[in-house]
PDB file of N, CA and C in Angstrom:
ATOM      1  N   MET A   1      82.691 213.573  52.719  1.00  0.00           N
ATOM      2  CA  MET A   1      82.012 213.425  53.951  1.00  0.00           C
ATOM      3  C   MET A   1      80.559 212.891  53.754  1.00  0.00           C
ATOM      4  N   LYS A   2      80.094 213.110  52.554  1.00  0.00           N
ATOM      5  CA  LYS A   2      78.643 212.706  52.120  1.00  0.00           C
ATOM      6  C   LYS A   2      78.735 211.278  52.040  1.00  0.00           C
ATOM      7  N   LYS A   3      79.767 210.571  51.780  1.00  0.00           N
ATOM      8  CA  LYS A   3      79.927 209.025  51.488  1.00  0.00           C
ATOM      9  C   LYS A   3      79.802 208.226  52.892  1.00  0.00           C
ATOM     10  N   LEU A   4      80.195 209.139  53.948  1.00  0.00           N
ATOM     11  CA  LEU A   4      80.216 208.260  55.168  1.00  0.00           C
ATOM     12  C   LEU A   4      78.882 207.670  55.795  1.00  0.00           C
ATOM     13  N   PRO A   5      77.848 208.425  55.710  1.00  0.00           N
ATOM     14  CA  PRO A   5      76.449 208.033  56.167  1.00  0.00           C
ATOM     15  C   PRO A   5      76.051 206.706  55.252  1.00  0.00           C
ATOM     16  N   PHE A   6      76.310 206.948  53.886  1.00  0.00           N
ATOM     17  CA  PHE A   6      75.830 205.813  52.946  1.00  0.00           C
ATOM     18  C   PHE A   6      76.717 204.541  53.273  1.00  0.00           C
ATOM     19  N   PHE A   7      78.093 204.771  53.596  1.00  0.00           N
ATOM     20  CA  PHE A   7      78.920 203.695  53.843  1.00  0.00           C
ATOM     21  C   PHE A   7      78.512 202.979  55.137  1.00  0.00           C
ATOM     22  N   LEU A   8      78.165 203.740  56.382  1.00  0.00           N
ATOM     23  CA  LEU A   8      77.677 203.120  57.548  1.00  0.00           C
ATOM     24  C   LEU A   8      76.386 202.378  57.236  1.00  0.00           C
ATOM     25  N   PHE A   9      75.385 203.026  56.417  1.00  0.00           N
ATOM     26  CA  PHE A   9      74.027 202.337  56.099  1.00  0.00           C
ATOM     27  C   PHE A   9      74.291 201.035  55.502  1.00  0.00           C
ATOM     28  N   ALA A  10      75.274 200.900  54.458  1.00  0.00           N
ATOM     29  CA  ALA A  10      75.669 199.836  53.856  1.00  0.00           C
ATOM     30  C   ALA A  10      76.051 198.488  54.670  1.00  0.00           C
ATOM     31  N   ILE A  11      76.952 198.913  55.646  1.00  0.00           N
ATOM     32  CA  ILE A  11      77.400 198.108  56.601  1.00  0.00           C
ATOM     33  C   ILE A  11      76.417 197.573  57.453  1.00  0.00           C
ATOM     34  N   VAL A  12      75.571 198.397  57.979  1.00  0.00           N
ATOM     35  CA  VAL A  12      74.450 198.008  58.949  1.00  0.00           C
ATOM     36  C   VAL A  12      73.441 197.175  58.150  1.00  0.00           C
ATOM     37  N   PHE A  13      73.083 197.518  56.867  1.00  0.00           N
ATOM     38  CA  PHE A  13      72.198 196.808  56.009  1.00  0.00           C
ATOM     39  C   PHE A  13      72.825 195.324  55.803  1.00  0.00           C
ATOM     40  N   LEU A  14      74.151 195.181  55.472  1.00  0.00           N
ATOM     41  CA  LEU A  14      74.569 193.822  55.209  1.00  0.00           C
ATOM     42  C   LEU A  14      74.675 192.934  56.407  1.00  0.00           C
ATOM     43  N   PHE A  15      74.921 193.559  57.591  1.00  0.00           N
ATOM     44  CA  PHE A  15      74.772 192.657  58.831  1.00  0.00           C
ATOM     45  C   PHE A  15      73.321 192.213  59.127  1.00  0.00           C
ATOM     46  N   SER A  16      72.425 193.209  59.017  1.00  0.00           N
ATOM     47  CA  SER A  16      71.013 192.913  59.346  1.00  0.00           C
ATOM     48  C   SER A  16      70.488 191.776  58.403  1.00  0.00           C
ATOM     49  N   CYS A  17      70.847 191.844  57.240  1.00  0.00           N
ATOM     50  CA  CYS A  17      70.251 191.020  56.208  1.00  0.00           C
ATOM     51  C   CYS A  17      70.976 189.538  55.857  1.00  0.00           C
ATOM     52  N   SER A  18      72.030 189.558  56.758  1.00  0.00           N
ATOM     53  CA  SER A  18      72.748 188.211  56.696  1.00  0.00           C
ATOM     54  C   SER A  18      71.992 187.043  56.903  1.00  0.00           C
ATOM     55  N   GLY A  19      70.999 187.028  57.848  1.00  0.00           N
ATOM     56  CA  GLY A  19      69.918 185.905  58.032  1.00  0.00           C
ATOM     57  C   GLY A  19      70.514 184.839  59.014  1.00  0.00           C
ATOM     58  N   LYS A  20      71.825 185.086  59.542  1.00  0.00           N
ATOM     59  CA  LYS A  20      72.491 184.117  60.351  1.00  0.00           C
ATOM     60  C   LYS A  20      71.953 184.295  61.686  1.00  0.00           C
ATOM     61  N   ASN A  21      71.606 183.055  62.296  1.00  0.00           N
ATOM     62  CA  ASN A  21      71.247 183.111  63.813  1.00  0.00           C
ATOM     63  C   ASN A  21      72.396 182.439  64.650  1.00  0.00           C
ATOM     64  N   SER A  22      72.494 182.618  65.811  1.00  0.00           N
ATOM     65  CA  SER A  22      73.519 182.032  66.642  1.00  0.00           C
ATOM     66  C   SER A  22      72.715 180.912  67.349  1.00  0.00           C
ATOM     67  N   TYR A  23      73.468 179.820  67.494  1.00  0.00           N
ATOM     68  CA  TYR A  23      73.113 178.587  68.151  1.00  0.00           C
ATOM     69  C   TYR A  23      74.258 178.112  69.199  1.00  0.00           C
ATOM     70  N   THR A  24      73.875 177.399  70.271  1.00  0.00           N
ATOM     71  CA  THR A  24      74.905 176.973  71.084  1.00  0.00           C
ATOM     72  C   THR A  24      74.911 175.289  71.031  1.00  0.00           C
ATOM     73  N   LEU A  25      75.976 174.794  70.607  1.00  0.00           N
ATOM     74  CA  LEU A  25      76.153 173.347  70.679  1.00  0.00           C
ATOM     75  C   LEU A  25      76.811 173.063  71.928  1.00  0.00           C
ATOM     76  N   GLU A  26      76.232 172.039  72.665  1.00  0.00           N
ATOM     77  CA  GLU A  26      76.830 171.502  73.944  1.00  0.00           C
ATOM     78  C   GLU A  26      77.224 170.059  73.590  1.00  0.00           C
ATOM     79  N   THR A  27      78.265 169.702  73.663  1.00  0.00           N
ATOM     80  CA  THR A  27      78.613 168.182  73.481  1.00  0.00           C
ATOM     81  C   THR A  27      79.117 167.627  74.906  1.00  0.00           C
ATOM     82  N   PHE A  28      78.389 166.513  75.119  1.00  0.00           N
ATOM     83  CA  PHE A  28      78.593 165.859  76.379  1.00  0.00           C
ATOM     84  C   PHE A  28      79.558 164.654  76.117  1.00  0.00           C
ATOM     85  N   TYR A  29      80.698 164.467  77.066  1.00  0.00           N
ATOM     86  CA  TYR A  29      81.596 163.482  77.115  1.00  0.00           C
ATOM     87  C   TYR A  29      81.503 162.608  78.245  1.00  0.00           C
ATOM     88  N   LYS A  30      81.741 161.235  78.275  1.00  0.00           N
ATOM     89  CA  LYS A  30      81.823 160.377  79.369  1.00  0.00           C
ATOM     90  C   LYS A  30      83.294 160.407  79.910  1.00  0.00           C
ATOM     91  N   SER A  31      83.182 160.778  81.130  1.00  0.00           N
ATOM     92  CA  SER A  31      84.532 160.871  81.894  1.00  0.00           C
ATOM     93  C   SER A  31      84.535 159.799  83.034  1.00  0.00           C
ATOM     94  N   ASN A  32      85.625 159.005  82.913  1.00  0.00           N
ATOM     95  CA  ASN A  32      85.763 157.886  83.898  1.00  0.00           C
ATOM     96  C   ASN A  32      86.652 158.504  85.071  1.00  0.00           C
ATOM     97  N   GLY A  33      86.166 158.285  86.311  1.00  0.00           N
ATOM     98  CA  GLY A  33      87.060 158.847  87.449  1.00  0.00           C
ATOM     99  C   GLY A  33      88.006 157.569  87.825  1.00  0.00           C
ATOM    100  N   GLY A  34      88.946 158.175  88.725  1.00  0.00           N
ATOM    101  CA  GLY A  34      89.852 157.015  89.115  1.00  0.00           C
ATOM    102  C   GLY A  34      89.318 156.062  89.963  1.00  0.00           C
ATOM    103  N   ASN A  35      88.229 156.298  90.616  1.00  0.00           N
ATOM    104  CA  ASN A  35      87.702 155.174  91.486  1.00  0.00           C
ATOM    105  C   ASN A  35      86.578 154.266  90.788  1.00  0.00           C
ATOM    106  N   GLY A  36      86.496 154.463  89.517  1.00  0.00           N
ATOM    107  CA  GLY A  36      85.483 153.703  88.824  1.00  0.00           C
ATOM    108  C   GLY A  36      83.997 154.495  88.619  1.00  0.00           C
ATOM    109  N   ASP A  37      83.985 155.713  89.140  1.00  0.00           N
ATOM    110  CA  ASP A  37      82.802 156.496  88.961  1.00  0.00           C
ATOM    111  C   ASP A  37      83.022 157.050  87.475  1.00  0.00           C
ATOM    112  N   THR A  38      81.714 157.248  86.949  1.00  0.00           N
ATOM    113  CA  THR A  38      81.591 157.794  85.654  1.00  0.00           C
ATOM    114  C   THR A  38      80.729 159.078  85.862  1.00  0.00           C
ATOM    115  N   SER A  39      81.004 160.188  84.929  1.00  0.00           N
ATOM    116  CA  SER A  39      80.349 161.449  85.075  1.00  0.00           C
ATOM    117  C   SER A  39      80.322 162.028  83.578  1.00  0.00           C
ATOM    118  N   LEU A  40      79.491 162.890  83.348  1.00  0.00           N
ATOM    119  CA  LEU A  40      79.478 163.647  82.072  1.00  0.00           C
ATOM    120  C   LEU A  40      80.040 164.881  82.208  1.00  0.00           C
ATOM    121  N   ILE A  41      80.981 165.256  81.292  1.00  0.00           N
ATOM    122  CA  ILE A  41      81.484 166.668  81.247  1.00  0.00           C
ATOM    123  C   ILE A  41      81.099 167.105  79.917  1.00  0.00           C
ATOM    124  N   SER A  42      80.947 168.581  79.729  1.00  0.00           N
ATOM    125  CA  SER A  42      80.395 169.223  78.523  1.00  0.00           C
ATOM    126  C   SER A  42      81.367 170.140  77.967  1.00  0.00           C
ATOM    127  N   ASP A  43      81.233 170.338  76.765  1.00  0.00           N
ATOM    128  CA  ASP A  43      82.048 171.305  76.030  1.00  0.00           C
ATOM    129  C   ASP A  43      81.125 172.289  75.074  1.00  0.00           C
ATOM    130  N   LYS A  44      81.192 173.537  75.275  1.00  0.00           N
ATOM    131  CA  LYS A  44      80.127 174.342  74.360  1.00  0.00           C
ATOM    132  C   LYS A  44      80.998 174.912  73.173  1.00  0.00           C
ATOM    133  N   ASP A  45      80.099 175.160  72.051  1.00  0.00           N
ATOM    134  CA  ASP A  45      80.688 175.801  70.993  1.00  0.00           C
ATOM    135  C   ASP A  45      79.396 176.562  70.184  1.00  0.00           C
ATOM    136  N   ASN A  46      79.838 177.505  69.352  1.00  0.00           N
ATOM    137  CA  ASN A  46      78.673 178.330  68.735  1.00  0.00           C
ATOM    138  C   ASN A  46      78.625 177.880  67.119  1.00  0.00           C
ATOM    139  N   ILE A  47      77.414 177.912  66.653  1.00  0.00           N
ATOM    140  CA  ILE A  47      77.197 177.553  65.322  1.00  0.00           C
ATOM    141  C   ILE A  47      76.275 178.670  64.677  1.00  0.00           C
ATOM    142  N   SER A  48      76.705 179.018  63.621  1.00  0.00           N
ATOM    143  CA  SER A  48      75.724 180.225  62.989  1.00  0.00           C
ATOM    144  C   SER A  48      75.063 179.358  61.721  1.00  0.00           C
ATOM    145  N   ALA A  49      73.842 179.679  61.609  1.00  0.00           N
ATOM    146  CA  ALA A  49      73.030 179.013  60.536  1.00  0.00           C
ATOM    147  C   ALA A  49      71.744 180.010  60.275  1.00  0.00           C
ATOM    148  N   ASP A  50      71.190 179.570  59.124  1.00  0.00           N
ATOM    149  CA  ASP A  50      69.942 180.374  58.782  1.00  0.00           C
ATOM    150  C   ASP A  50      68.746 180.214  59.470  1.00  0.00           C
ATOM    151  N   ASN A  51      68.635 178.866  59.725  1.00  0.00           N
ATOM    152  CA  ASN A  51      67.396 178.332  60.483  1.00  0.00           C
ATOM    153  C   ASN A  51      67.597 177.206  61.471  1.00  0.00           C
ATOM    154  N   ASP A  52      66.841 176.687  62.161  1.00  0.00           N
ATOM    155  CA  ASP A  52      66.894 175.550  62.976  1.00  0.00           C
ATOM    156  C   ASP A  52      67.426 174.279  62.438  1.00  0.00           C
ATOM    157  N   SER A  53      66.803 174.059  61.157  1.00  0.00           N
ATOM    158  CA  SER A  53      67.150 172.762  60.606  1.00  0.00           C
ATOM    159  C   SER A  53      68.497 172.688  60.129  1.00  0.00           C
ATOM    160  N   THR A  54      69.070 173.915  59.533  1.00  0.00           N
ATOM    161  CA  THR A  54      70.435 173.829  59.068  1.00  0.00           C
ATOM    162  C   THR A  54      71.424 173.819  60.254  1.00  0.00           C
ATOM    163  N   ALA A  55      70.974 174.567  61.442  1.00  0.00           N
ATOM    164  CA  ALA A  55      71.834 174.453  62.604  1.00  0.00           C
ATOM    165  C   ALA A  55      71.836 173.052  63.079  1.00  0.00           C
ATOM    166  N   PHE A  56      70.861 172.404  63.077  1.00  0.00           N
ATOM    167  CA  PHE A  56      70.875 170.885  63.570  1.00  0.00           C
ATOM    168  C   PHE A  56      71.659 170.010  62.750  1.00  0.00           C
ATOM    169  N   ILE A  57      71.642 170.206  61.616  1.00  0.00           N
ATOM    170  CA  ILE A  57      72.483 169.285  60.525  1.00  0.00           C
ATOM    171  C   ILE A  57      73.813 169.745  60.824  1.00  0.00           C
ATOM    172  N   LYS A  58      74.299 170.915  61.018  1.00  0.00           N
ATOM    173  CA  LYS A  58      75.560 171.377  61.254  1.00  0.00           C
ATOM    174  C   LYS A  58      76.051 170.796  62.460  1.00  0.00           C
ATOM    175  N   ALA A  59      75.210 170.730  63.523  1.00  0.00           N
ATOM    176  CA  ALA A  59      75.625 170.286  64.762  1.00  0.00           C
ATOM    177  C   ALA A  59      75.707 168.677  64.698  1.00  0.00           C
ATOM    178  N   GLN A  60      74.815 168.052  64.142  1.00  0.00           N
ATOM    179  CA  GLN A  60      74.888 166.498  63.931  1.00  0.00           C
ATOM    180  C   GLN A  60      76.306 166.202  63.176  1.00  0.00           C
ATOM    181  N   ASP A  61      76.579 167.090  62.150  1.00  0.00           N
ATOM    182  CA  ASP A  61      77.807 166.755  61.465  1.00  0.00           C
ATOM    183  C   ASP A  61      79.127 166.912  62.219  1.00  0.00           C
ATOM    184  N   LYS A  62      79.061 167.940  62.917  1.00  0.00           N
ATOM    185  CA  LYS A  62      80.071 168.247  64.077  1.00  0.00           C
ATOM    186  C   LYS A  62      80.177 167.178  65.034  1.00  0.00           C
ATOM    187  N   PHE A  63      79.163 166.608  65.530  1.00  0.00           N
ATOM    188  CA  PHE A  63      79.050 165.592  66.527  1.00  0.00           C
ATOM    189  C   PHE A  63      79.766 164.316  66.019  1.00  0.00           C
ATOM    190  N   ASN A  64      79.310 164.004  64.773  1.00  0.00           N
ATOM    191  CA  ASN A  64      79.641 162.837  64.065  1.00  0.00           C
ATOM    192  C   ASN A  64      81.316 162.847  63.819  1.00  0.00           C
ATOM    193  N   GLY A  65      81.708 163.916  63.357  1.00  0.00           N
ATOM    194  CA  GLY A  65      83.213 164.202  63.212  1.00  0.00           C
ATOM    195  C   GLY A  65      83.873 163.971  64.677  1.00  0.00           C
ATOM    196  N   LEU A  66      83.380 164.525  65.741  1.00  0.00           N
ATOM    197  CA  LEU A  66      83.972 164.370  67.008  1.00  0.00           C
ATOM    198  C   LEU A  66      83.872 162.796  67.523  1.00  0.00           C
ATOM    199  N   LYS A  67      82.861 162.087  67.080  1.00  0.00           N
ATOM    200  CA  LYS A  67      82.828 160.659  67.442  1.00  0.00           C
ATOM    201  C   LYS A  67      83.907 159.922  66.574  1.00  0.00           C
ATOM    202  N   ALA A  68      84.116 160.373  65.385  1.00  0.00           N
ATOM    203  CA  ALA A  68      85.093 159.566  64.457  1.00  0.00           C
ATOM    204  C   ALA A  68      86.499 159.734  64.945  1.00  0.00           C
ATOM    205  N   LYS A  69      86.739 161.021  65.541  1.00  0.00           N
ATOM    206  CA  LYS A  69      88.154 161.544  65.994  1.00  0.00           C
ATOM    207  C   LYS A  69      88.022 162.033  67.286  1.00  0.00           C
ATOM    208  N   PRO A  70      88.142 161.283  68.396  1.00  0.00           N
ATOM    209  CA  PRO A  70      88.128 161.683  69.654  1.00  0.00           C
ATOM    210  C   PRO A  70      89.092 162.710  70.071  1.00  0.00           C
ATOM    211  N   ASP A  71      88.915 163.781  70.937  1.00  0.00           N
ATOM    212  CA  ASP A  71      89.685 164.857  71.159  1.00  0.00           C
ATOM    213  C   ASP A  71      90.145 164.576  72.775  1.00  0.00           C
ATOM    214  N   LYS A  72      90.652 165.671  73.237  1.00  0.00           N
ATOM    215  CA  LYS A  72      91.159 165.598  74.565  1.00  0.00           C
ATOM    216  C   LYS A  72      90.079 165.197  75.690  1.00  0.00           C
ATOM    217  N   HIS A  73      88.980 165.446  75.244  1.00  0.00           N
ATOM    218  CA  HIS A  73      87.775 165.044  76.286  1.00  0.00           C
ATOM    219  C   HIS A  73      87.574 163.591  76.257  1.00  0.00           C
ATOM    220  N   GLY A  74      87.759 162.882  75.116  1.00  0.00           N
ATOM    221  CA  GLY A  74      87.559 161.578  74.721  1.00  0.00           C
ATOM    222  C   GLY A  74      86.459 161.419  73.728  1.00  0.00           C
ATOM    223  N   THR A  75      85.606 160.483  73.876  1.00  0.00           N
ATOM    224  CA  THR A  75      84.571 160.196  72.809  1.00  0.00           C
ATOM    225  C   THR A  75      83.003 160.790  73.368  1.00  0.00           C
ATOM    226  N   PRO A  76      82.533 161.610  72.467  1.00  0.00           N
ATOM    227  CA  PRO A  76      81.259 162.356  72.915  1.00  0.00           C
ATOM    228  C   PRO A  76      80.305 161.160  72.849  1.00  0.00           C
ATOM    229  N   VAL A  77      79.296 161.457  73.804  1.00  0.00           N
ATOM    230  CA  VAL A  77      78.063 160.417  73.895  1.00  0.00           C
ATOM    231  C   VAL A  77      76.872 161.164  73.384  1.00  0.00           C
ATOM    232  N   LYS A  78      76.595 162.423  73.617  1.00  0.00           N
ATOM    233  CA  LYS A  78      75.313 163.064  73.018  1.00  0.00           C
ATOM    234  C   LYS A  78      75.646 164.549  72.960  1.00  0.00           C
ATOM    235  N   PHE A  79      74.702 165.300  72.368  1.00  0.00           N
ATOM    236  CA  PHE A  79      74.977 166.753  72.242  1.00  0.00           C
ATOM    237  C   PHE A  79      73.464 167.330  72.426  1.00  0.00           C
ATOM    238  N   THR A  80      73.332 168.632  72.773  1.00  0.00           N
ATOM    239  CA  THR A  80      72.269 169.445  72.739  1.00  0.00           C
ATOM    240  C   THR A  80      72.478 170.639  71.830  1.00  0.00           C
ATOM    241  N   LEU A  81      71.437 171.136  71.292  1.00  0.00           N
ATOM    242  CA  LEU A  81      71.506 172.282  70.509  1.00  0.00           C
ATOM    243  C   LEU A  81      70.448 173.442  70.848  1.00  0.00           C
ATOM    244  N   ARG A  82      70.814 174.629  71.275  1.00  0.00           N
ATOM    245  CA  ARG A  82      69.928 175.618  71.701  1.00  0.00           C
ATOM    246  C   ARG A  82      70.031 176.896  70.823  1.00  0.00           C
ATOM    247  N   ASN A  83      68.840 177.232  70.576  1.00  0.00           N
ATOM    248  CA  ASN A  83      68.776 178.500  69.672  1.00  0.00           C
ATOM    249  C   ASN A  83      69.060 179.677  70.484  1.00  0.00           C
ATOM    250  N   HIS A  84      69.052 181.031  69.897  1.00  0.00           N
ATOM    251  CA  HIS A  84      69.305 182.145  70.668  1.00  0.00           C
ATOM    252  C   HIS A  84      68.469 182.590  71.840  1.00  0.00           C
ATOM    253  N   ASN A  85      67.277 181.929  72.014  1.00  0.00           N
ATOM    254  CA  ASN A  85      66.242 182.075  72.979  1.00  0.00           C
ATOM    255  C   ASN A  85      66.550 181.023  74.060  1.00  0.00           C
ATOM    256  N   GLY A  86      67.409 180.034  73.795  1.00  0.00           N
ATOM    257  CA  GLY A  86      67.687 178.916  74.811  1.00  0.00           C
ATOM    258  C   GLY A  86      66.827 177.878  74.511  1.00  0.00           C
ATOM    259  N   VAL A  87      65.890 177.806  73.546  1.00  0.00           N
ATOM    260  CA  VAL A  87      65.122 176.567  73.330  1.00  0.00           C
ATOM    261  C   VAL A  87      65.862 175.498  72.591  1.00  0.00           C
ATOM    262  N   VAL A  88      65.660 174.329  73.158  1.00  0.00           N
ATOM    263  CA  VAL A  88      66.498 173.090  72.559  1.00  0.00           C
ATOM    264  C   VAL A  88      65.853 172.768  71.286  1.00  0.00           C
ATOM    265  N   VAL A  89      66.748 172.724  70.332  1.00  0.00           N
ATOM    266  CA  VAL A  89      66.317 172.154  68.908  1.00  0.00           C
ATOM    267  C   VAL A  89      66.612 170.677  68.958  1.00  0.00           C
ATOM    268  N   ILE A  90      65.635 169.867  68.600  1.00  0.00           N
ATOM    269  CA  ILE A  90      65.566 168.376  68.877  1.00  0.00           C
ATOM    270  C   ILE A  90      65.838 167.739  67.542  1.00  0.00           C
ATOM    271  N   SER A  91      65.486 168.430  66.427  1.00  0.00           N
ATOM    272  CA  SER A  91      65.271 167.650  65.115  1.00  0.00           C
ATOM    273  C   SER A  91      65.306 168.625  64.042  1.00  0.00           C
ATOM    274  N   PRO A  92      65.733 168.146  62.846  1.00  0.00           N
ATOM    275  CA  PRO A  92      65.518 169.181  61.743  1.00  0.00           C
ATOM    276  C   PRO A  92      63.996 169.286  61.538  1.00  0.00           C
ATOM    277  N   ARG A  93      63.697 170.546  60.989  1.00  0.00           N
ATOM    278  CA  ARG A  93      62.185 170.781  60.659  1.00  0.00           C
ATOM    279  C   ARG A  93      61.502 170.868  61.824  1.00  0.00           C
ATOM    280  N   GLN A  94      61.862 171.216  63.071  1.00  0.00           N
ATOM    281  CA  GLN A  94      61.164 171.270  64.257  1.00  0.00           C
ATOM    282  C   GLN A  94      60.634 172.874  64.336  1.00  0.00           C
ATOM    283  N   ASP A  95      59.370 173.132  64.661  1.00  0.00           N
ATOM    284  CA  ASP A  95      58.918 174.471  64.817  1.00  0.00           C
ATOM    285  C   ASP A  95      59.034 174.888  66.140  1.00  0.00           C
ATOM    286  N   THR A  96      60.055 175.781  66.367  1.00  0.00           N
ATOM    287  CA  THR A  96      60.240 176.367  67.809  1.00  0.00           C
ATOM    288  C   THR A  96      59.413 177.641  67.877  1.00  0.00           C
ATOM    289  N   THR A  97      58.490 177.981  66.947  1.00  0.00           N
ATOM    290  CA  THR A  97      57.819 179.224  67.174  1.00  0.00           C
ATOM    291  C   THR A  97      56.512 179.093  67.947  1.00  0.00           C
ATOM    292  N   GLN A  98      56.165 177.745  68.325  1.00  0.00           N
ATOM    293  CA  GLN A  98      54.965 177.451  69.036  1.00  0.00           C
ATOM    294  C   GLN A  98      55.071 178.023  70.471  1.00  0.00           C
ATOM    295  N   GLU A  99      54.272 178.667  71.135  1.00  0.00           N
ATOM    296  CA  GLU A  99      54.478 179.315  72.452  1.00  0.00           C
ATOM    297  C   GLU A  99      53.990 178.164  73.389  1.00  0.00           C
ATOM    298  N   ASN A 100      52.745 178.110  73.568  1.00  0.00           N
ATOM    299  CA  ASN A 100      52.181 177.064  74.564  1.00  0.00           C
ATOM    300  C   ASN A 100      51.157 176.183  73.591  1.00  0.00           C
ATOM    301  N   THR A 101      51.491 174.809  73.891  1.00  0.00           N
ATOM    302  CA  THR A 101      50.558 173.914  73.139  1.00  0.00           C
ATOM    303  C   THR A 101      49.709 173.151  74.192  1.00  0.00           C
ATOM    304  N   THR A 102      48.614 172.869  74.038  1.00  0.00           N
ATOM    305  CA  THR A 102      47.657 172.283  74.894  1.00  0.00           C
ATOM    306  C   THR A 102      48.125 170.685  74.730  1.00  0.00           C
ATOM    307  N   ALA A 103      48.160 170.044  75.933  1.00  0.00           N
ATOM    308  CA  ALA A 103      48.372 168.543  75.698  1.00  0.00           C
ATOM    309  C   ALA A 103      47.296 167.839  75.443  1.00  0.00           C
ATOM    310  N   TYR A 104      45.988 168.286  75.866  1.00  0.00           N
ATOM    311  CA  TYR A 104      44.699 167.709  75.499  1.00  0.00           C
ATOM    312  C   TYR A 104      43.915 168.766  74.989  1.00  0.00           C
ATOM    313  N   PRO A 105      43.873 168.830  73.605  1.00  0.00           N
ATOM    314  CA  PRO A 105      43.262 170.049  72.907  1.00  0.00           C
ATOM    315  C   PRO A 105      41.836 170.070  73.028  1.00  0.00           C
ATOM    316  N   ASN A 106      41.241 168.917  73.227  1.00  0.00           N
ATOM    317  CA  ASN A 106      39.731 168.810  73.211  1.00  0.00           C
ATOM    318  C   ASN A 106      39.234 168.967  74.532  1.00  0.00           C
ATOM    319  N   GLN A 107      40.135 169.063  75.663  1.00  0.00           N
ATOM    320  CA  GLN A 107      39.693 169.094  77.138  1.00  0.00           C
ATOM    321  C   GLN A 107      39.170 170.585  77.270  1.00  0.00           C
ATOM    322  N   LYS A 108      38.155 170.645  77.994  1.00  0.00           N
ATOM    323  CA  LYS A 108      37.519 171.996  78.264  1.00  0.00           C
ATOM    324  C   LYS A 108      38.193 172.456  79.603  1.00  0.00           C
ATOM    325  N   SER A 109      38.331 173.910  79.524  1.00  0.00           N
ATOM    326  CA  SER A 109      38.996 174.541  80.734  1.00  0.00           C
ATOM    327  C   SER A 109      37.875 174.744  81.675  1.00  0.00           C
ATOM    328  N   PRO A 110      38.337 174.539  83.059  1.00  0.00           N
ATOM    329  CA  PRO A 110      37.353 174.938  84.067  1.00  0.00           C
ATOM    330  C   PRO A 110      37.156 176.293  84.196  1.00  0.00           C
ATOM    331  N   ASP A 111      35.878 176.675  84.187  1.00  0.00           N
ATOM    332  CA  ASP A 111      35.426 178.113  84.220  1.00  0.00           C
ATOM    333  C   ASP A 111      34.630 178.218  85.541  1.00  0.00           C
TER     334      ASP A 111
END
């Protein structure tokens, strides 16, 4: 019975230290309608990675694989990657920790 708390602690510790974050990959496909109209349809997938850069590289690799071998949706035209906060990751080495940045840092605020 004494080993049960240690075992539970070990499981919680392993999952908390895994460092994996969840990302959502949304792939957009060009869909041609019967009357000549074109629209975009999307398909979502989850990616686990240690950080934004790794997740973006995994998403880019997956997107390139889909472009090389079209599936039931057709050929993809673009993708977006969002982190667990819903922030779009646009490139490797992007810093998504910045809250609000000033567009004009030298501009004085009206007081």
